[in-house]
Amino acid sequence: MQINKELIKIPDAIVKMAHQVDSRLTLEEVSEIHTEYLLDHKTTICPHCEMALVESELHWAETRSESWDDPSEGETVCCYCSRPVSPSDLMRPEFDHWLKLTA
């Protein structure tokens, strides 16, 4: 069954991005994928390396350890690029990036 593009109200840019990943996708499949993207609130990426990352994958890295008497100072870092990232820094990927991550 063919779906009219005007009926599903999907932007041309979204259709083009999806077809770049897989040119065999129908408009109905693109619409389903786009809806899935809009509902996905779990997929996040590191703002530095743009790798898919969840809060539990952040590693604790000590930045200073003066003595046993003083607690160490540290920060969470990305497990891929080792750059400082806090859980609040994790970003939702753009549609085209999300599509490549989940394809």
Protein backbone atom coordinates (compact mmCIF):
# COMPACT_ATOMS: atom_id res chain seq x y z
CA MET A 1 0.00 0.00 0.00
CA GLN A 2 1.42 3.34 -1.04
CA ILE A 3 1.30 6.22 1.42
CA ASN A 4 1.02 9.76 0.22
CA LYS A 5 3.87 11.90 1.56
CA GLU A 6 1.49 14.74 2.35
CA LEU A 7 -0.65 12.46 4.50
CA ILE A 8 2.21 11.35 6.73
CA LYS A 9 3.59 14.91 6.98
CA ILE A 10 7.23 13.91 7.06
CA PRO A 11 9.82 16.55 6.10
CA ASP A 12 11.76 16.02 2.86
CA ALA A 13 15.05 16.32 4.75
CA ILE A 14 14.09 13.33 6.95
CA VAL A 15 13.21 11.25 3.87
CA LYS A 16 16.52 12.16 2.21
CA MET A 17 18.53 11.28 5.33
CA ALA A 18 16.80 7.93 5.65
CA HIS A 19 17.32 7.15 1.97
CA GLN A 20 21.03 7.94 2.31
CA VAL A 21 21.27 5.16 4.88
CA ASP A 22 19.04 2.73 2.95
CA SER A 23 17.57 3.72 -0.40
CA ARG A 24 15.11 0.81 -0.31
CA LEU A 25 13.05 2.30 2.54
CA THR A 26 9.45 3.13 1.72
CA LEU A 27 7.76 6.30 2.96
CA GLU A 28 5.81 4.22 5.46
CA GLU A 29 9.05 2.73 6.84
CA VAL A 30 10.67 6.18 7.01
CA SER A 31 7.63 7.46 8.89
CA GLU A 32 7.86 4.55 11.37
CA ILE A 33 11.59 5.12 11.86
CA HIS A 34 11.09 8.85 12.41
CA THR A 35 8.36 8.16 14.97
CA GLU A 36 10.70 5.73 16.71
CA TYR A 37 13.36 8.45 16.83
CA LEU A 38 10.92 10.96 18.33
CA LEU A 39 9.97 8.45 21.04
CA ASP A 40 13.57 7.39 21.82
CA HIS A 41 14.64 9.29 24.92
CA LYS A 42 17.32 6.77 25.94
CA THR A 43 19.91 7.12 23.16
CA THR A 44 22.50 9.75 24.03
CA ILE A 45 25.94 10.62 22.68
CA CYS A 46 29.14 12.16 23.99
CA PRO A 47 29.29 15.83 22.93
CA HIS A 48 32.99 15.45 22.08
CA CYS A 49 33.31 12.21 20.08
CA GLU A 50 29.60 11.66 19.27
CA MET A 51 29.75 7.98 20.21
CA ALA A 52 26.59 6.40 21.64
CA LEU A 53 26.96 6.55 25.40
CA VAL A 54 24.78 6.12 28.45
CA GLU A 55 25.37 7.53 31.91
CA SER A 56 26.46 4.15 33.29
CA GLU A 57 29.33 4.02 30.77
CA LEU A 58 30.97 7.17 32.11
CA HIS A 59 34.19 6.39 33.99
CA TRP A 60 35.49 8.13 37.10
CA ALA A 61 38.94 9.63 36.57
CA GLU A 62 40.96 11.09 39.41
CA THR A 63 42.33 14.49 38.60
CA ARG A 64 44.31 15.01 41.80
CA SER A 65 45.38 12.85 44.69
CA GLU A 66 47.40 14.80 47.25
CA SER A 67 47.48 12.38 50.14
CA TRP A 68 45.55 9.59 51.81
CA ASP A 69 44.10 12.12 54.27
CA ASP A 70 42.48 14.28 51.58
CA PRO A 71 39.85 12.79 49.33
CA SER A 72 40.77 12.60 45.67
CA GLU A 73 39.24 14.98 43.24
CA GLY A 74 37.95 13.63 39.99
CA GLU A 75 35.44 13.81 37.22
CA THR A 76 33.53 11.52 34.95
CA VAL A 77 34.98 10.93 31.50
CA CYS A 78 33.76 9.35 28.28
CA CYS A 79 34.81 5.71 27.95
CA TYR A 80 35.65 6.31 24.26
CA CYS A 81 37.51 9.63 24.10
CA SER A 82 38.41 10.06 27.81
CA ARG A 83 37.31 13.68 27.80
CA PRO A 84 35.43 15.07 30.80
CA VAL A 85 31.68 14.57 30.46
CA SER A 86 29.02 14.85 33.12
CA PRO A 87 25.73 12.96 32.79
CA SER A 88 23.97 16.25 32.04
CA ASP A 89 26.36 16.83 29.09
CA LEU A 90 25.14 13.74 27.23
CA MET A 91 23.16 14.86 24.19
CA ARG A 92 20.39 13.44 22.09
CA PRO A 93 21.72 12.77 18.58
CA GLU A 94 20.31 14.43 15.50
CA PHE A 95 18.07 12.20 13.37
CA ASP A 96 20.71 11.28 10.78
CA HIS A 97 23.27 10.40 13.46
CA TRP A 98 20.69 8.44 15.44
CA LEU A 99 19.75 6.55 12.29
CA LYS A 100 23.36 5.49 11.74
CA LEU A 101 23.74 4.47 15.40
CA THR A 102 20.61 2.33 15.43
CA ALA A 103 20.75 0.92 11.88
